[in-house]
């Protein structure tokens, strides 16, 4: 597999997973109680970030840009997972 094909495969995987993360964020957002204003705001921010990263992944990116996108996506997914775990601890 040459580097051009590899880059396209990586971007395809990002598109798949960033769309899934955006959908998951929307699901979480829609299940929150209207009293959970802070969590609603945080989930809205995650949705926006995942949608923006998804939009970036649909562009023709150079190898360094793909690497940066990968680092950002990983960091936000980690933060989102932490946020989700915190939802289980709410009262």
PDB file of N, CA and C in Angstrom:
ATOM      1  N   UNK A   1       0.859  -1.172   0.000  1.00  0.00           N
ATOM      2  CA  UNK A   1       0.000   0.000   0.000  1.00  0.00           C
ATOM      3  C   UNK A   1       0.902   1.231   0.000  1.00  0.00           C
ATOM      4  N   UNK A   2       0.675   2.130  -0.933  1.00  0.00           N
ATOM      5  CA  UNK A   2       1.501   3.337  -0.980  1.00  0.00           C
ATOM      6  C   UNK A   2       0.970   4.384   0.003  1.00  0.00           C
ATOM      7  N   UNK A   3       1.744   5.428   0.206  1.00  0.00           N
ATOM      8  CA  UNK A   3       1.382   6.431   1.217  1.00  0.00           C
ATOM      9  C   UNK A   3       0.095   7.169   0.868  1.00  0.00           C
ATOM     10  N   UNK A   4      -0.192   7.355  -0.421  1.00  0.00           N
ATOM     11  CA  UNK A   4      -1.444   8.022  -0.834  1.00  0.00           C
ATOM     12  C   UNK A   4      -2.649   7.173  -0.427  1.00  0.00           C
ATOM     13  N   UNK A   5      -2.584   5.878  -0.701  1.00  0.00           N
ATOM     14  CA  UNK A   5      -3.683   4.984  -0.325  1.00  0.00           C
ATOM     15  C   UNK A   5      -3.823   4.889   1.185  1.00  0.00           C
ATOM     16  N   UNK A   6      -2.687   4.840   1.877  1.00  0.00           N
ATOM     17  CA  UNK A   6      -2.719   4.778   3.334  1.00  0.00           C
ATOM     18  C   UNK A   6      -3.390   6.023   3.913  1.00  0.00           C
ATOM     19  N   UNK A   7      -3.036   7.187   3.389  1.00  0.00           N
ATOM     20  CA  UNK A   7      -3.633   8.440   3.866  1.00  0.00           C
ATOM     21  C   UNK A   7      -5.142   8.429   3.648  1.00  0.00           C
ATOM     22  N   UNK A   8      -5.586   7.937   2.508  1.00  0.00           N
ATOM     23  CA  UNK A   8      -7.018   7.876   2.225  1.00  0.00           C
ATOM     24  C   UNK A   8      -7.728   6.901   3.175  1.00  0.00           C
ATOM     25  N   UNK A   9      -7.087   5.800   3.489  1.00  0.00           N
ATOM     26  CA  UNK A   9      -7.662   4.837   4.431  1.00  0.00           C
ATOM     27  C   UNK A   9      -7.766   5.436   5.833  1.00  0.00           C
ATOM     28  N   UNK A  10      -6.729   6.154   6.240  1.00  0.00           N
ATOM     29  CA  UNK A  10      -6.744   6.797   7.556  1.00  0.00           C
ATOM     30  C   UNK A  10      -7.878   7.825   7.617  1.00  0.00           C
ATOM     31  N   UNK A  11      -8.018   8.631   6.590  1.00  0.00           N
ATOM     32  CA  UNK A  11      -9.082   9.635   6.565  1.00  0.00           C
ATOM     33  C   UNK A  11     -10.464   8.979   6.575  1.00  0.00           C
ATOM     34  N   UNK A  12     -10.599   7.873   5.844  1.00  0.00           N
ATOM     35  CA  UNK A  12     -11.872   7.155   5.847  1.00  0.00           C
ATOM     36  C   UNK A  12     -12.213   6.687   7.262  1.00  0.00           C
ATOM     37  N   UNK A  13     -11.237   6.128   7.972  1.00  0.00           N
ATOM     38  CA  UNK A  13     -11.459   5.676   9.350  1.00  0.00           C
ATOM     39  C   UNK A  13     -11.840   6.855  10.251  1.00  0.00           C
ATOM     40  N   UNK A  14     -11.170   7.982  10.058  1.00  0.00           N
ATOM     41  CA  UNK A  14     -11.525   9.176  10.843  1.00  0.00           C
ATOM     42  C   UNK A  14     -12.963   9.590  10.557  1.00  0.00           C
ATOM     43  N   UNK A  15     -13.345   9.587   9.311  1.00  0.00           N
ATOM     44  CA  UNK A  15     -14.711   9.974   8.952  1.00  0.00           C
ATOM     45  C   UNK A  15     -15.726   9.051   9.614  1.00  0.00           C
ATOM     46  N   UNK A  16     -15.459   7.772   9.558  1.00  0.00           N
ATOM     47  CA  UNK A  16     -16.354   6.791  10.174  1.00  0.00           C
ATOM     48  C   UNK A  16     -16.500   7.038  11.672  1.00  0.00           C
ATOM     49  N   UNK A  17     -15.362   7.144  12.371  1.00  0.00           N
ATOM     50  CA  UNK A  17     -15.403   7.247  13.823  1.00  0.00           C
ATOM     51  C   UNK A  17     -15.815   8.628  14.310  1.00  0.00           C
ATOM     52  N   UNK A  18     -15.440   9.673  13.598  1.00  0.00           N
ATOM     53  CA  UNK A  18     -15.870  11.012  14.018  1.00  0.00           C
ATOM     54  C   UNK A  18     -17.375  11.188  13.835  1.00  0.00           C
ATOM     55  N   UNK A  19     -17.931  10.575  12.798  1.00  0.00           N
ATOM     56  CA  UNK A  19     -19.389  10.610  12.644  1.00  0.00           C
ATOM     57  C   UNK A  19     -20.058   9.847  13.784  1.00  0.00           C
ATOM     58  N   UNK A  20     -19.478   8.696  14.145  1.00  0.00           N
ATOM     59  CA  UNK A  20     -20.014   7.919  15.264  1.00  0.00           C
ATOM     60  C   UNK A  20     -19.927   8.704  16.571  1.00  0.00           C
ATOM     61  N   UNK A  21     -18.808   9.395  16.791  1.00  0.00           N
ATOM     62  CA  UNK A  21     -18.661  10.180  18.024  1.00  0.00           C
ATOM     63  C   UNK A  21     -19.637  11.350  18.061  1.00  0.00           C
ATOM     64  N   UNK A  22     -19.841  12.000  16.931  1.00  0.00           N
ATOM     65  CA  UNK A  22     -20.817  13.085  16.863  1.00  0.00           C
ATOM     66  C   UNK A  22     -22.214  12.555  17.177  1.00  0.00           C
ATOM     67  N   UNK A  23     -22.565  11.423  16.588  1.00  0.00           N
ATOM     68  CA  UNK A  23     -23.872  10.812  16.852  1.00  0.00           C
ATOM     69  C   UNK A  23     -24.012  10.425  18.312  1.00  0.00           C
ATOM     70  N   UNK A  24     -22.952   9.898  18.890  1.00  0.00           N
ATOM     71  CA  UNK A  24     -22.985   9.527  20.307  1.00  0.00           C
ATOM     72  C   UNK A  24     -23.166  10.772  21.170  1.00  0.00           C
ATOM     73  N   UNK A  25     -22.466  11.841  20.820  1.00  0.00           N
ATOM     74  CA  UNK A  25     -22.630  13.100  21.548  1.00  0.00           C
ATOM     75  C   UNK A  25     -24.059  13.612  21.473  1.00  0.00           C
ATOM     76  N   UNK A  26     -24.675  13.493  20.307  1.00  0.00           N
ATOM     77  CA  UNK A  26     -26.072  13.928  20.141  1.00  0.00           C
ATOM     78  C   UNK A  26     -27.012  13.069  20.967  1.00  0.00           C
ATOM     79  N   UNK A  27     -26.741  11.768  20.997  1.00  0.00           N
ATOM     80  CA  UNK A  27     -27.562  10.867  21.808  1.00  0.00           C
ATOM     81  C   UNK A  27     -27.475  11.264  23.285  1.00  0.00           C
ATOM     82  N   UNK A  28     -26.249  11.454  23.772  1.00  0.00           N
ATOM     83  CA  UNK A  28     -26.059  11.838  25.174  1.00  0.00           C
ATOM     84  C   UNK A  28     -26.757  13.176  25.439  1.00  0.00           C
ATOM     85  N   UNK A  29     -26.554  14.129  24.560  1.00  0.00           N
ATOM     86  CA  UNK A  29     -27.170  15.459  24.699  1.00  0.00           C
ATOM     87  C   UNK A  29     -28.687  15.341  24.833  1.00  0.00           C
ATOM     88  N   UNK A  30     -29.286  14.502  24.005  1.00  0.00           N
ATOM     89  CA  UNK A  30     -30.743  14.365  23.996  1.00  0.00           C
ATOM     90  C   UNK A  30     -31.293  13.593  25.181  1.00  0.00           C
ATOM     91  N   UNK A  31     -30.435  12.868  25.896  1.00  0.00           N
ATOM     92  CA  UNK A  31     -30.908  12.107  27.053  1.00  0.00           C
ATOM     93  C   UNK A  31     -30.710  12.853  28.372  1.00  0.00           C
ATOM     94  N   UNK A  32     -30.022  13.980  28.329  1.00  0.00           N
ATOM     95  CA  UNK A  32     -29.802  14.739  29.561  1.00  0.00           C
ATOM     96  C   UNK A  32     -31.075  15.456  29.986  1.00  0.00           C
ATOM     97  N   UNK A  33     -31.233  15.576  31.277  1.00  0.00           N
ATOM     98  CA  UNK A  33     -32.355  16.308  31.833  1.00  0.00           C
ATOM     99  C   UNK A  33     -32.168  17.798  31.557  1.00  0.00           C
ATOM    100  N   UNK A  34     -33.264  18.498  31.374  1.00  0.00           N
ATOM    101  CA  UNK A  34     -33.184  19.944  31.126  1.00  0.00           C
ATOM    102  C   UNK A  34     -32.583  20.690  32.317  1.00  0.00           C
ATOM    103  N   UNK A  35     -32.504  20.041  33.467  1.00  0.00           N
ATOM    104  CA  UNK A  35     -31.885  20.638  34.658  1.00  0.00           C
ATOM    105  C   UNK A  35     -30.362  20.570  34.616  1.00  0.00           C
ATOM    106  N   UNK A  36     -29.816  19.774  33.718  1.00  0.00           N
ATOM    107  CA  UNK A  36     -28.369  19.555  33.658  1.00  0.00           C
ATOM    108  C   UNK A  36     -27.728  20.512  32.652  1.00  0.00           C
ATOM    109  N   UNK A  37     -27.874  21.799  32.921  1.00  0.00           N
ATOM    110  CA  UNK A  37     -27.452  22.818  31.960  1.00  0.00           C
ATOM    111  C   UNK A  37     -25.960  22.753  31.632  1.00  0.00           C
ATOM    112  N   UNK A  38     -25.140  22.550  32.634  1.00  0.00           N
ATOM    113  CA  UNK A  38     -23.687  22.492  32.386  1.00  0.00           C
ATOM    114  C   UNK A  38     -23.339  21.295  31.503  1.00  0.00           C
ATOM    115  N   UNK A  39     -23.934  20.156  31.793  1.00  0.00           N
ATOM    116  CA  UNK A  39     -23.656  18.959  30.986  1.00  0.00           C
ATOM    117  C   UNK A  39     -24.210  19.105  29.570  1.00  0.00           C
ATOM    118  N   UNK A  40     -25.326  19.763  29.440  1.00  0.00           N
ATOM    119  CA  UNK A  40     -25.886  20.022  28.102  1.00  0.00           C
ATOM    120  C   UNK A  40     -24.920  20.887  27.300  1.00  0.00           C
ATOM    121  N   UNK A  41     -24.372  21.906  27.923  1.00  0.00           N
ATOM    122  CA  UNK A  41     -23.411  22.783  27.246  1.00  0.00           C
ATOM    123  C   UNK A  41     -22.151  22.010  26.855  1.00  0.00           C
ATOM    124  N   UNK A  42     -21.645  21.197  27.759  1.00  0.00           N
ATOM    125  CA  UNK A  42     -20.444  20.416  27.470  1.00  0.00           C
ATOM    126  C   UNK A  42     -20.707  19.446  26.322  1.00  0.00           C
ATOM    127  N   UNK A  43     -21.841  18.768  26.350  1.00  0.00           N
ATOM    128  CA  UNK A  43     -22.133  17.820  25.272  1.00  0.00           C
ATOM    129  C   UNK A  43     -22.293  18.552  23.941  1.00  0.00           C
ATOM    130  N   UNK A  44     -22.850  19.745  23.964  1.00  0.00           N
ATOM    131  CA  UNK A  44     -22.975  20.555  22.738  1.00  0.00           C
ATOM    132  C   UNK A  44     -21.596  20.905  22.181  1.00  0.00           C
ATOM    133  N   UNK A  45     -20.667  21.208  23.073  1.00  0.00           N
ATOM    134  CA  UNK A  45     -19.306  21.523  22.636  1.00  0.00           C
ATOM    135  C   UNK A  45     -18.638  20.310  22.006  1.00  0.00           C
ATOM    136  N   UNK A  46     -18.840  19.130  22.581  1.00  0.00           N
ATOM    137  CA  UNK A  46     -18.269  17.922  21.990  1.00  0.00           C
ATOM    138  C   UNK A  46     -18.862  17.655  20.606  1.00  0.00           C
ATOM    139  N   UNK A  47     -20.159  17.823  20.473  1.00  0.00           N
ATOM    140  CA  UNK A  47     -20.800  17.636  19.165  1.00  0.00           C
ATOM    141  C   UNK A  47     -20.173  18.570  18.144  1.00  0.00           C
ATOM    142  N   UNK A  48     -20.005  19.818  18.514  1.00  0.00           N
ATOM    143  CA  UNK A  48     -19.421  20.802  17.604  1.00  0.00           C
ATOM    144  C   UNK A  48     -17.993  20.417  17.214  1.00  0.00           C
ATOM    145  N   UNK A  49     -17.197  20.006  18.196  1.00  0.00           N
ATOM    146  CA  UNK A  49     -15.807  19.623  17.920  1.00  0.00           C
ATOM    147  C   UNK A  49     -15.755  18.416  16.990  1.00  0.00           C
ATOM    148  N   UNK A  50     -16.550  17.391  17.276  1.00  0.00           N
ATOM    149  CA  UNK A  50     -16.529  16.201  16.429  1.00  0.00           C
ATOM    150  C   UNK A  50     -17.006  16.518  15.017  1.00  0.00           C
ATOM    151  N   UNK A  51     -18.002  17.387  14.899  1.00  0.00           N
ATOM    152  CA  UNK A  51     -18.464  17.792  13.566  1.00  0.00           C
ATOM    153  C   UNK A  51     -17.384  18.576  12.814  1.00  0.00           C
ATOM    154  N   UNK A  52     -16.672  19.437  13.519  1.00  0.00           N
ATOM    155  CA  UNK A  52     -15.594  20.202  12.884  1.00  0.00           C
ATOM    156  C   UNK A  52     -14.446  19.292  12.446  1.00  0.00           C
ATOM    157  N   UNK A  53     -14.085  18.342  13.300  1.00  0.00           N
ATOM    158  CA  UNK A  53     -13.029  17.394  12.936  1.00  0.00           C
ATOM    159  C   UNK A  53     -13.471  16.518  11.759  1.00  0.00           C
ATOM    160  N   UNK A  54     -14.731  16.133  11.750  1.00  0.00           N
ATOM    161  CA  UNK A  54     -15.263  15.363  10.626  1.00  0.00           C
ATOM    162  C   UNK A  54     -15.165  16.167   9.336  1.00  0.00           C
ATOM    163  N   UNK A  55     -15.515  17.438   9.414  1.00  0.00           N
ATOM    164  CA  UNK A  55     -15.417  18.310   8.240  1.00  0.00           C
ATOM    165  C   UNK A  55     -13.964  18.384   7.749  1.00  0.00           C
ATOM    166  N   UNK A  56     -13.028  18.515   8.675  1.00  0.00           N
ATOM    167  CA  UNK A  56     -11.612  18.550   8.299  1.00  0.00           C
ATOM    168  C   UNK A  56     -11.185  17.254   7.623  1.00  0.00           C
ATOM    169  N   UNK A  57     -11.702  16.130   8.115  1.00  0.00           N
ATOM    170  CA  UNK A  57     -11.300  14.833   7.565  1.00  0.00           C
ATOM    171  C   UNK A  57     -11.816  14.618   6.143  1.00  0.00           C
ATOM    172  N   UNK A  58     -12.775  15.407   5.733  1.00  0.00           N
ATOM    173  CA  UNK A  58     -13.317  15.304   4.385  1.00  0.00           C
ATOM    174  C   UNK A  58     -12.524  16.117   3.365  1.00  0.00           C
ATOM    175  N   UNK A  59     -11.487  16.808   3.832  1.00  0.00           N
ATOM    176  CA  UNK A  59     -10.652  17.611   2.943  1.00  0.00           C
ATOM    177  C   UNK A  59      -9.439  16.800   2.507  1.00  0.00           C
ATOM    178  N   UNK A  60      -8.809  17.248   1.451  1.00  0.00           N
ATOM    179  CA  UNK A  60      -7.540  16.656   1.015  1.00  0.00           C
ATOM    180  C   UNK A  60      -6.458  17.167   1.959  1.00  0.00           C
ATOM    181  N   UNK A  61      -5.927  16.296   2.779  1.00  0.00           N
ATOM    182  CA  UNK A  61      -4.942  16.691   3.782  1.00  0.00           C
ATOM    183  C   UNK A  61      -3.588  16.085   3.474  1.00  0.00           C
ATOM    184  N   UNK A  62      -2.578  16.817   3.841  1.00  0.00           N
ATOM    185  CA  UNK A  62      -1.208  16.321   3.740  1.00  0.00           C
ATOM    186  C   UNK A  62      -0.928  15.421   4.947  1.00  0.00           C
ATOM    187  N   UNK A  63       0.145  14.670   4.868  1.00  0.00           N
ATOM    188  CA  UNK A  63       0.481  13.715   5.921  1.00  0.00           C
ATOM    189  C   UNK A  63       0.565  14.377   7.297  1.00  0.00           C
ATOM    190  N   UNK A  64       1.207  15.519   7.393  1.00  0.00           N
ATOM    191  CA  UNK A  64       1.332  16.215   8.680  1.00  0.00           C
ATOM    192  C   UNK A  64      -0.036  16.669   9.194  1.00  0.00           C
ATOM    193  N   UNK A  65      -0.901  17.092   8.309  1.00  0.00           N
ATOM    194  CA  UNK A  65      -2.252  17.509   8.706  1.00  0.00           C
ATOM    195  C   UNK A  65      -3.063  16.314   9.212  1.00  0.00           C
ATOM    196  N   UNK A  66      -2.878  15.166   8.589  1.00  0.00           N
ATOM    197  CA  UNK A  66      -3.565  13.949   9.047  1.00  0.00           C
ATOM    198  C   UNK A  66      -3.067  13.573  10.440  1.00  0.00           C
ATOM    199  N   UNK A  67      -1.774  13.698  10.644  1.00  0.00           N
ATOM    200  CA  UNK A  67      -1.195  13.409  11.956  1.00  0.00           C
ATOM    201  C   UNK A  67      -1.787  14.339  13.022  1.00  0.00           C
ATOM    202  N   UNK A  68      -1.890  15.623  12.722  1.00  0.00           N
ATOM    203  CA  UNK A  68      -2.463  16.585  13.666  1.00  0.00           C
ATOM    204  C   UNK A  68      -3.939  16.292  13.928  1.00  0.00           C
ATOM    205  N   UNK A  69      -4.666  15.940  12.884  1.00  0.00           N
ATOM    206  CA  UNK A  69      -6.076  15.578  13.033  1.00  0.00           C
ATOM    207  C   UNK A  69      -6.210  14.357  13.936  1.00  0.00           C
ATOM    208  N   UNK A  70      -5.327  13.395  13.758  1.00  0.00           N
ATOM    209  CA  UNK A  70      -5.346  12.184  14.572  1.00  0.00           C
ATOM    210  C   UNK A  70      -5.104  12.517  16.041  1.00  0.00           C
ATOM    211  N   UNK A  71      -4.129  13.358  16.313  1.00  0.00           N
ATOM    212  CA  UNK A  71      -3.840  13.751  17.703  1.00  0.00           C
ATOM    213  C   UNK A  71      -5.035  14.470  18.322  1.00  0.00           C
ATOM    214  N   UNK A  72      -5.635  15.400  17.574  1.00  0.00           N
ATOM    215  CA  UNK A  72      -6.794  16.132  18.092  1.00  0.00           C
ATOM    216  C   UNK A  72      -7.971  15.197  18.350  1.00  0.00           C
ATOM    217  N   UNK A  73      -8.259  14.345  17.388  1.00  0.00           N
ATOM    218  CA  UNK A  73      -9.388  13.425  17.531  1.00  0.00           C
ATOM    219  C   UNK A  73      -9.189  12.541  18.766  1.00  0.00           C
ATOM    220  N   UNK A  74      -7.989  12.016  18.924  1.00  0.00           N
ATOM    221  CA  UNK A  74      -7.703  11.154  20.069  1.00  0.00           C
ATOM    222  C   UNK A  74      -7.914  11.913  21.387  1.00  0.00           C
ATOM    223  N   UNK A  75      -7.405  13.126  21.451  1.00  0.00           N
ATOM    224  CA  UNK A  75      -7.520  13.916  22.676  1.00  0.00           C
ATOM    225  C   UNK A  75      -8.984  14.199  23.024  1.00  0.00           C
ATOM    226  N   UNK A  76      -9.769  14.573  22.026  1.00  0.00           N
ATOM    227  CA  UNK A  76     -11.182  14.875  22.300  1.00  0.00           C
ATOM    228  C   UNK A  76     -11.981  13.626  22.616  1.00  0.00           C
ATOM    229  N   UNK A  77     -11.646  12.512  22.001  1.00  0.00           N
ATOM    230  CA  UNK A  77     -12.332  11.258  22.332  1.00  0.00           C
ATOM    231  C   UNK A  77     -12.019  10.859  23.769  1.00  0.00           C
ATOM    232  N   UNK A  78     -10.784  11.039  24.192  1.00  0.00           N
ATOM    233  CA  UNK A  78     -10.416  10.759  25.581  1.00  0.00           C
ATOM    234  C   UNK A  78     -11.212  11.660  26.539  1.00  0.00           C
ATOM    235  N   UNK A  79     -11.307  12.944  26.222  1.00  0.00           N
ATOM    236  CA  UNK A  79     -12.073  13.871  27.058  1.00  0.00           C
ATOM    237  C   UNK A  79     -13.544  13.484  27.096  1.00  0.00           C
ATOM    238  N   UNK A  80     -14.087  13.106  25.937  1.00  0.00           N
ATOM    239  CA  UNK A  80     -15.490  12.711  25.866  1.00  0.00           C
ATOM    240  C   UNK A  80     -15.732  11.465  26.712  1.00  0.00           C
ATOM    241  N   UNK A  81     -14.825  10.503  26.636  1.00  0.00           N
ATOM    242  CA  UNK A  81     -14.958   9.299  27.461  1.00  0.00           C
ATOM    243  C   UNK A  81     -14.948   9.637  28.944  1.00  0.00           C
ATOM    244  N   UNK A  82     -14.106  10.568  29.346  1.00  0.00           N
ATOM    245  CA  UNK A  82     -14.071  11.021  30.740  1.00  0.00           C
ATOM    246  C   UNK A  82     -15.414  11.668  31.119  1.00  0.00           C
ATOM    247  N   UNK A  83     -15.944  12.482  30.227  1.00  0.00           N
ATOM    248  CA  UNK A  83     -17.245  13.123  30.440  1.00  0.00           C
ATOM    249  C   UNK A  83     -18.341  12.060  30.606  1.00  0.00           C
ATOM    250  N   UNK A  84     -18.335  11.057  29.746  1.00  0.00           N
ATOM    251  CA  UNK A  84     -19.339   9.997  29.809  1.00  0.00           C
ATOM    252  C   UNK A  84     -19.243   9.241  31.131  1.00  0.00           C
ATOM    253  N   UNK A  85     -18.035   8.931  31.558  1.00  0.00           N
ATOM    254  CA  UNK A  85     -17.856   8.230  32.830  1.00  0.00           C
ATOM    255  C   UNK A  85     -18.406   9.063  33.977  1.00  0.00           C
ATOM    256  N   UNK A  86     -18.238  10.372  33.896  1.00  0.00           N
ATOM    257  CA  UNK A  86     -18.764  11.258  34.928  1.00  0.00           C
ATOM    258  C   UNK A  86     -20.280  11.273  34.984  1.00  0.00           C
ATOM    259  N   UNK A  87     -20.918  10.998  33.872  1.00  0.00           N
ATOM    260  CA  UNK A  87     -22.378  10.962  33.860  1.00  0.00           C
ATOM    261  C   UNK A  87     -22.906   9.813  34.719  1.00  0.00           C
ATOM    262  N   UNK A  88     -22.160   8.734  34.790  1.00  0.00           N
ATOM    263  CA  UNK A  88     -22.563   7.604  35.608  1.00  0.00           C
ATOM    264  C   UNK A  88     -22.482   7.904  37.095  1.00  0.00           C
ATOM    265  N   UNK A  89     -21.735   8.937  37.447  1.00  0.00           N
ATOM    266  CA  UNK A  89     -21.548   9.290  38.860  1.00  0.00           C
ATOM    267  C   UNK A  89     -22.532  10.350  39.327  1.00  0.00           C
ATOM    268  N   UNK A  90     -23.368  10.849  38.414  1.00  0.00           N
ATOM    269  CA  UNK A  90     -24.306  11.908  38.819  1.00  0.00           C
ATOM    270  C   UNK A  90     -25.396  11.350  39.701  1.00  0.00           C
ATOM    271  N   UNK A  91     -25.996  12.239  40.451  1.00  0.00           N
ATOM    272  CA  UNK A  91     -27.052  11.837  41.387  1.00  0.00           C
ATOM    273  C   UNK A  91     -28.376  12.342  40.925  1.00  0.00           C
TER     274      UNK A  91
END
